[in-house]
């Protein structure tokens, strides 16, 4: 038969909420900037491959959009 416990299931160390908040904030920032970077990369590839801008044009579009994205995401 199963044992029946009446106490708490976990009696570990208390949570470090300050460290938890820092980890959460870093995760949100990485997600935000990572998503922005991928969108900028796809737009630059589209301009370079399909827009006729070529390699240098796509690189130029990437740099301009990356700078604008970082400014807007902050």
PDB file of N, CA and C in Angstrom:
ATOM      1  N   UNK A   1       0.828  -1.186   0.000  1.00  0.00           N
ATOM      2  CA  UNK A   1       0.000   0.000   0.000  1.00  0.00           C
ATOM      3  C   UNK A   1       0.870   1.247   0.000  1.00  0.00           C
ATOM      4  N   UNK A   2       0.302   2.323  -0.507  1.00  0.00           N
ATOM      5  CA  UNK A   2       1.028   3.588  -0.573  1.00  0.00           C
ATOM      6  C   UNK A   2       1.096   4.226   0.804  1.00  0.00           C
ATOM      7  N   UNK A   3       2.201   4.891   1.027  1.00  0.00           N
ATOM      8  CA  UNK A   3       2.345   5.593   2.299  1.00  0.00           C
ATOM      9  C   UNK A   3       1.641   6.941   2.224  1.00  0.00           C
ATOM     10  N   UNK A   4       1.082   7.359   3.312  1.00  0.00           N
ATOM     11  CA  UNK A   4       0.387   8.639   3.365  1.00  0.00           C
ATOM     12  C   UNK A   4       1.187   9.591   4.244  1.00  0.00           C
ATOM     13  N   UNK A   5       1.648  10.686   3.615  1.00  0.00           N
ATOM     14  CA  UNK A   5       2.406  11.686   4.355  1.00  0.00           C
ATOM     15  C   UNK A   5       1.517  12.897   4.587  1.00  0.00           C
ATOM     16  N   UNK A   6       1.634  13.473   5.741  1.00  0.00           N
ATOM     17  CA  UNK A   6       0.817  14.635   6.059  1.00  0.00           C
ATOM     18  C   UNK A   6       1.600  15.936   5.979  1.00  0.00           C
ATOM     19  N   UNK A   7       2.930  15.865   5.906  1.00  0.00           N
ATOM     20  CA  UNK A   7       3.764  17.066   5.862  1.00  0.00           C
ATOM     21  C   UNK A   7       3.946  17.562   4.435  1.00  0.00           C
ATOM     22  N   UNK A   8       4.719  18.624   4.287  1.00  0.00           N
ATOM     23  CA  UNK A   8       4.977  19.152   2.940  1.00  0.00           C
ATOM     24  C   UNK A   8       5.798  18.162   2.110  1.00  0.00           C
ATOM     25  N   UNK A   9       5.555  18.171   0.822  1.00  0.00           N
ATOM     26  CA  UNK A   9       6.242  17.244  -0.063  1.00  0.00           C
ATOM     27  C   UNK A   9       7.707  17.630  -0.196  1.00  0.00           C
ATOM     28  N   UNK A  10       7.970  18.912  -0.318  1.00  0.00           N
ATOM     29  CA  UNK A  10       9.343  19.367  -0.499  1.00  0.00           C
ATOM     30  C   UNK A  10       9.718  20.309   0.628  1.00  0.00           C
ATOM     31  N   UNK A  11      10.793  20.016   1.286  1.00  0.00           N
ATOM     32  CA  UNK A  11      11.257  20.877   2.366  1.00  0.00           C
ATOM     33  C   UNK A  11      12.690  21.306   2.076  1.00  0.00           C
ATOM     34  N   UNK A  12      12.934  21.810   0.876  1.00  0.00           N
ATOM     35  CA  UNK A  12      14.274  22.222   0.463  1.00  0.00           C
ATOM     36  C   UNK A  12      14.600  23.618   0.955  1.00  0.00           C
ATOM     37  N   UNK A  13      15.669  24.148   0.411  1.00  0.00           N
ATOM     38  CA  UNK A  13      16.106  25.491   0.769  1.00  0.00           C
ATOM     39  C   UNK A  13      15.122  26.525   0.227  1.00  0.00           C
ATOM     40  N   UNK A  14      15.024  27.664   0.869  1.00  0.00           N
ATOM     41  CA  UNK A  14      14.117  28.705   0.373  1.00  0.00           C
ATOM     42  C   UNK A  14      14.611  29.242  -0.975  1.00  0.00           C
ATOM     43  N   UNK A  15      13.657  29.711  -1.792  1.00  0.00           N
ATOM     44  CA  UNK A  15      13.990  30.229  -3.117  1.00  0.00           C
ATOM     45  C   UNK A  15      14.726  31.560  -3.012  1.00  0.00           C
ATOM     46  N   UNK A  16      15.678  31.762  -3.909  1.00  0.00           N
ATOM     47  CA  UNK A  16      16.377  33.028  -4.012  1.00  0.00           C
ATOM     48  C   UNK A  16      15.643  33.850  -5.071  1.00  0.00           C
ATOM     49  N   UNK A  17      14.679  34.631  -4.653  1.00  0.00           N
ATOM     50  CA  UNK A  17      13.807  35.346  -5.579  1.00  0.00           C
ATOM     51  C   UNK A  17      14.557  36.409  -6.375  1.00  0.00           C
ATOM     52  N   UNK A  18      15.557  37.028  -5.793  1.00  0.00           N
ATOM     53  CA  UNK A  18      16.332  38.035  -6.515  1.00  0.00           C
ATOM     54  C   UNK A  18      17.058  37.387  -7.696  1.00  0.00           C
ATOM     55  N   UNK A  19      17.654  36.231  -7.488  1.00  0.00           N
ATOM     56  CA  UNK A  19      18.338  35.520  -8.570  1.00  0.00           C
ATOM     57  C   UNK A  19      17.339  35.015  -9.613  1.00  0.00           C
ATOM     58  N   UNK A  20      16.176  34.600  -9.157  1.00  0.00           N
ATOM     59  CA  UNK A  20      15.124  34.158 -10.075  1.00  0.00           C
ATOM     60  C   UNK A  20      14.680  35.306 -10.984  1.00  0.00           C
ATOM     61  N   UNK A  21      14.517  36.487 -10.426  1.00  0.00           N
ATOM     62  CA  UNK A  21      14.124  37.657 -11.219  1.00  0.00           C
ATOM     63  C   UNK A  21      15.203  38.022 -12.235  1.00  0.00           C
ATOM     64  N   UNK A  22      16.488  37.945 -11.840  1.00  0.00           N
ATOM     65  CA  UNK A  22      17.573  38.249 -12.773  1.00  0.00           C
ATOM     66  C   UNK A  22      17.600  37.254 -13.926  1.00  0.00           C
ATOM     67  N   UNK A  23      17.394  35.982 -13.642  1.00  0.00           N
ATOM     68  CA  UNK A  23      17.376  34.962 -14.686  1.00  0.00           C
ATOM     69  C   UNK A  23      16.201  35.186 -15.626  1.00  0.00           C
ATOM     70  N   UNK A  24      15.052  35.504 -15.094  1.00  0.00           N
ATOM     71  CA  UNK A  24      13.869  35.767 -15.909  1.00  0.00           C
ATOM     72  C   UNK A  24      14.087  36.981 -16.814  1.00  0.00           C
ATOM     73  N   UNK A  25      14.667  38.049 -16.260  1.00  0.00           N
ATOM     74  CA  UNK A  25      14.928  39.248 -17.054  1.00  0.00           C
ATOM     75  C   UNK A  25      15.921  38.966 -18.179  1.00  0.00           C
ATOM     76  N   UNK A  26      16.959  38.151 -17.897  1.00  0.00           N
ATOM     77  CA  UNK A  26      17.923  37.796 -18.943  1.00  0.00           C
ATOM     78  C   UNK A  26      17.264  36.952 -20.027  1.00  0.00           C
ATOM     79  N   UNK A  27      16.378  36.045 -19.652  1.00  0.00           N
ATOM     80  CA  UNK A  27      15.677  35.218 -20.624  1.00  0.00           C
ATOM     81  C   UNK A  27      14.786  36.063 -21.527  1.00  0.00           C
ATOM     82  N   UNK A  28      14.062  37.002 -20.943  1.00  0.00           N
ATOM     83  CA  UNK A  28      13.183  37.874 -21.720  1.00  0.00           C
ATOM     84  C   UNK A  28      14.010  38.738 -22.682  1.00  0.00           C
ATOM     85  N   UNK A  29      15.144  39.270 -22.216  1.00  0.00           N
ATOM     86  CA  UNK A  29      16.000  40.094 -23.082  1.00  0.00           C
ATOM     87  C   UNK A  29      16.581  39.261 -24.221  1.00  0.00           C
ATOM     88  N   UNK A  30      17.033  38.040 -23.927  1.00  0.00           N
ATOM     89  CA  UNK A  30      17.588  37.180 -24.975  1.00  0.00           C
ATOM     90  C   UNK A  30      16.530  36.810 -25.999  1.00  0.00           C
ATOM     91  N   UNK A  31      15.318  36.550 -25.559  1.00  0.00           N
ATOM     92  CA  UNK A  31      14.223  36.238 -26.475  1.00  0.00           C
ATOM     93  C   UNK A  31      13.877  37.441 -27.347  1.00  0.00           C
ATOM     94  N   UNK A  32      13.830  38.607 -26.739  1.00  0.00           N
ATOM     95  CA  UNK A  32      13.477  39.835 -27.462  1.00  0.00           C
ATOM     96  C   UNK A  32      14.531  40.170 -28.517  1.00  0.00           C
ATOM     97  N   UNK A  33      15.798  40.196 -28.120  1.00  0.00           N
ATOM     98  CA  UNK A  33      16.858  40.551 -29.058  1.00  0.00           C
ATOM     99  C   UNK A  33      17.115  39.433 -30.074  1.00  0.00           C
ATOM    100  N   UNK A  34      16.958  38.187 -29.667  1.00  0.00           N
ATOM    101  CA  UNK A  34      17.123  37.084 -30.611  1.00  0.00           C
ATOM    102  C   UNK A  34      16.059  37.088 -31.689  1.00  0.00           C
ATOM    103  N   UNK A  35      14.831  37.349 -31.315  1.00  0.00           N
ATOM    104  CA  UNK A  35      13.745  37.434 -32.294  1.00  0.00           C
ATOM    105  C   UNK A  35      13.964  38.602 -33.253  1.00  0.00           C
ATOM    106  N   UNK A  36      14.383  39.737 -32.703  1.00  0.00           N
ATOM    107  CA  UNK A  36      14.653  40.900 -33.546  1.00  0.00           C
ATOM    108  C   UNK A  36      15.791  40.604 -34.514  1.00  0.00           C
ATOM    109  N   UNK A  37      16.832  39.928 -34.061  1.00  0.00           N
ATOM    110  CA  UNK A  37      17.966  39.601 -34.923  1.00  0.00           C
ATOM    111  C   UNK A  37      17.553  38.680 -36.065  1.00  0.00           C
ATOM    112  N   UNK A  38      16.731  37.690 -35.775  1.00  0.00           N
ATOM    113  CA  UNK A  38      16.275  36.779 -36.824  1.00  0.00           C
ATOM    114  C   UNK A  38      15.384  37.476 -37.848  1.00  0.00           C
ATOM    115  N   UNK A  39      14.519  38.362 -37.396  1.00  0.00           N
ATOM    116  CA  UNK A  39      13.657  39.101 -38.321  1.00  0.00           C
ATOM    117  C   UNK A  39      14.493  40.005 -39.220  1.00  0.00           C
ATOM    118  N   UNK A  40      15.471  40.697 -38.638  1.00  0.00           N
ATOM    119  CA  UNK A  40      16.350  41.567 -39.425  1.00  0.00           C
ATOM    120  C   UNK A  40      17.145  40.754 -40.433  1.00  0.00           C
ATOM    121  N   UNK A  41      17.650  39.592 -40.017  1.00  0.00           N
ATOM    122  CA  UNK A  41      18.402  38.735 -40.924  1.00  0.00           C
ATOM    123  C   UNK A  41      17.541  38.270 -42.094  1.00  0.00           C
ATOM    124  N   UNK A  42      16.316  37.873 -41.828  1.00  0.00           N
ATOM    125  CA  UNK A  42      15.423  37.438 -42.901  1.00  0.00           C
ATOM    126  C   UNK A  42      15.075  38.580 -43.855  1.00  0.00           C
ATOM    127  N   UNK A  43      14.873  39.775 -43.325  1.00  0.00           N
ATOM    128  CA  UNK A  43      14.592  40.921 -44.183  1.00  0.00           C
ATOM    129  C   UNK A  43      15.800  41.280 -45.050  1.00  0.00           C
ATOM    130  N   UNK A  44      16.998  41.207 -44.474  1.00  0.00           N
ATOM    131  CA  UNK A  44      18.204  41.501 -45.246  1.00  0.00           C
ATOM    132  C   UNK A  44      18.436  40.444 -46.314  1.00  0.00           C
ATOM    133  N   UNK A  45      18.172  39.177 -46.000  1.00  0.00           N
ATOM    134  CA  UNK A  45      18.311  38.122 -47.004  1.00  0.00           C
ATOM    135  C   UNK A  45      17.293  38.306 -48.121  1.00  0.00           C
ATOM    136  N   UNK A  46      16.095  38.724 -47.779  1.00  0.00           N
ATOM    137  CA  UNK A  46      15.074  38.981 -48.787  1.00  0.00           C
ATOM    138  C   UNK A  46      15.502  40.122 -49.705  1.00  0.00           C
ATOM    139  N   UNK A  47      16.040  41.185 -49.121  1.00  0.00           N
ATOM    140  CA  UNK A  47      16.499  42.310 -49.939  1.00  0.00           C
ATOM    141  C   UNK A  47      17.663  41.894 -50.824  1.00  0.00           C
ATOM    142  N   UNK A  48      18.564  41.093 -50.307  1.00  0.00           N
ATOM    143  CA  UNK A  48      19.728  40.692 -51.067  1.00  0.00           C
ATOM    144  C   UNK A  48      19.422  39.697 -52.166  1.00  0.00           C
ATOM    145  N   UNK A  49      18.597  38.714 -51.874  1.00  0.00           N
ATOM    146  CA  UNK A  49      18.331  37.655 -52.844  1.00  0.00           C
ATOM    147  C   UNK A  49      17.229  38.004 -53.830  1.00  0.00           C
ATOM    148  N   UNK A  50      16.123  38.526 -53.342  1.00  0.00           N
ATOM    149  CA  UNK A  50      14.961  38.748 -54.190  1.00  0.00           C
ATOM    150  C   UNK A  50      14.782  40.198 -54.610  1.00  0.00           C
ATOM    151  N   UNK A  51      15.364  41.125 -53.873  1.00  0.00           N
ATOM    152  CA  UNK A  51      15.199  42.531 -54.192  1.00  0.00           C
ATOM    153  C   UNK A  51      16.245  43.045 -55.155  1.00  0.00           C
ATOM    154  N   UNK A  52      17.212  42.228 -55.493  1.00  0.00           N
ATOM    155  CA  UNK A  52      18.244  42.649 -56.416  1.00  0.00           C
ATOM    156  C   UNK A  52      19.330  43.495 -55.795  1.00  0.00           C
ATOM    157  N   UNK A  53      19.402  43.542 -54.478  1.00  0.00           N
ATOM    158  CA  UNK A  53      20.408  44.372 -53.814  1.00  0.00           C
ATOM    159  C   UNK A  53      21.774  43.707 -53.808  1.00  0.00           C
ATOM    160  N   UNK A  54      21.819  42.403 -53.893  1.00  0.00           N
ATOM    161  CA  UNK A  54      23.097  41.696 -53.877  1.00  0.00           C
ATOM    162  C   UNK A  54      23.659  41.577 -52.479  1.00  0.00           C
ATOM    163  N   UNK A  55      24.897  41.106 -52.408  1.00  0.00           N
ATOM    164  CA  UNK A  55      25.539  40.861 -51.115  1.00  0.00           C
ATOM    165  C   UNK A  55      25.760  42.156 -50.332  1.00  0.00           C
ATOM    166  N   UNK A  56      26.337  43.144 -50.969  1.00  0.00           N
ATOM    167  CA  UNK A  56      26.618  44.391 -50.255  1.00  0.00           C
ATOM    168  C   UNK A  56      25.341  45.141 -49.887  1.00  0.00           C
ATOM    169  N   UNK A  57      24.358  45.095 -50.757  1.00  0.00           N
ATOM    170  CA  UNK A  57      23.080  45.729 -50.438  1.00  0.00           C
ATOM    171  C   UNK A  57      22.386  45.040 -49.279  1.00  0.00           C
ATOM    172  N   UNK A  58      22.427  43.699 -49.267  1.00  0.00           N
ATOM    173  CA  UNK A  58      21.836  42.958 -48.154  1.00  0.00           C
ATOM    174  C   UNK A  58      22.560  43.221 -46.852  1.00  0.00           C
ATOM    175  N   UNK A  59      23.889  43.324 -46.917  1.00  0.00           N
ATOM    176  CA  UNK A  59      24.670  43.643 -45.723  1.00  0.00           C
ATOM    177  C   UNK A  59      24.341  45.047 -45.217  1.00  0.00           C
ATOM    178  N   UNK A  60      24.194  45.988 -46.143  1.00  0.00           N
ATOM    179  CA  UNK A  60      23.822  47.358 -45.778  1.00  0.00           C
ATOM    180  C   UNK A  60      22.449  47.391 -45.122  1.00  0.00           C
ATOM    181  N   UNK A  61      21.504  46.679 -45.699  1.00  0.00           N
ATOM    182  CA  UNK A  61      20.154  46.613 -45.126  1.00  0.00           C
ATOM    183  C   UNK A  61      20.204  45.974 -43.742  1.00  0.00           C
ATOM    184  N   UNK A  62      21.009  44.913 -43.579  1.00  0.00           N
ATOM    185  CA  UNK A  62      21.138  44.238 -42.287  1.00  0.00           C
ATOM    186  C   UNK A  62      21.669  45.189 -41.222  1.00  0.00           C
ATOM    187  N   UNK A  63      22.714  45.937 -41.548  1.00  0.00           N
ATOM    188  CA  UNK A  63      23.318  46.846 -40.562  1.00  0.00           C
ATOM    189  C   UNK A  63      22.352  47.961 -40.186  1.00  0.00           C
ATOM    190  N   UNK A  64      21.687  48.531 -41.167  1.00  0.00           N
ATOM    191  CA  UNK A  64      20.745  49.620 -40.891  1.00  0.00           C
ATOM    192  C   UNK A  64      19.565  49.124 -40.046  1.00  0.00           C
ATOM    193  N   UNK A  65      18.988  47.978 -40.445  1.00  0.00           N
ATOM    194  CA  UNK A  65      17.844  47.450 -39.690  1.00  0.00           C
ATOM    195  C   UNK A  65      18.249  46.974 -38.298  1.00  0.00           C
ATOM    196  N   UNK A  66      19.449  46.442 -38.165  1.00  0.00           N
ATOM    197  CA  UNK A  66      19.921  46.006 -36.854  1.00  0.00           C
ATOM    198  C   UNK A  66      20.067  47.196 -35.912  1.00  0.00           C
ATOM    199  N   UNK A  67      20.643  48.279 -36.401  1.00  0.00           N
ATOM    200  CA  UNK A  67      20.781  49.479 -35.572  1.00  0.00           C
ATOM    201  C   UNK A  67      19.411  50.039 -35.187  1.00  0.00           C
ATOM    202  N   UNK A  68      18.490  50.078 -36.154  1.00  0.00           N
ATOM    203  CA  UNK A  68      17.140  50.569 -35.861  1.00  0.00           C
ATOM    204  C   UNK A  68      16.419  49.635 -34.892  1.00  0.00           C
ATOM    205  N   UNK A  69      16.593  48.332 -35.065  1.00  0.00           N
ATOM    206  CA  UNK A  69      15.944  47.371 -34.178  1.00  0.00           C
ATOM    207  C   UNK A  69      16.434  47.465 -32.751  1.00  0.00           C
ATOM    208  N   UNK A  70      17.738  47.602 -32.581  1.00  0.00           N
ATOM    209  CA  UNK A  70      18.281  47.732 -31.227  1.00  0.00           C
ATOM    210  C   UNK A  70      17.764  49.013 -30.578  1.00  0.00           C
ATOM    211  N   UNK A  71      17.697  50.091 -31.354  1.00  0.00           N
ATOM    212  CA  UNK A  71      17.178  51.350 -30.818  1.00  0.00           C
ATOM    213  C   UNK A  71      15.713  51.219 -30.417  1.00  0.00           C
ATOM    214  N   UNK A  72      14.918  50.534 -31.234  1.00  0.00           N
ATOM    215  CA  UNK A  72      13.477  50.432 -30.966  1.00  0.00           C
ATOM    216  C   UNK A  72      13.135  49.412 -29.883  1.00  0.00           C
ATOM    217  N   UNK A  73      13.913  48.355 -29.763  1.00  0.00           N
ATOM    218  CA  UNK A  73      13.597  47.301 -28.804  1.00  0.00           C
ATOM    219  C   UNK A  73      13.919  47.719 -27.378  1.00  0.00           C
ATOM    220  N   UNK A  74      14.880  48.591 -27.198  1.00  0.00           N
ATOM    221  CA  UNK A  74      15.242  49.019 -25.847  1.00  0.00           C
ATOM    222  C   UNK A  74      14.063  49.619 -25.207  1.00  0.00           C
TER     223      UNK A  74
END
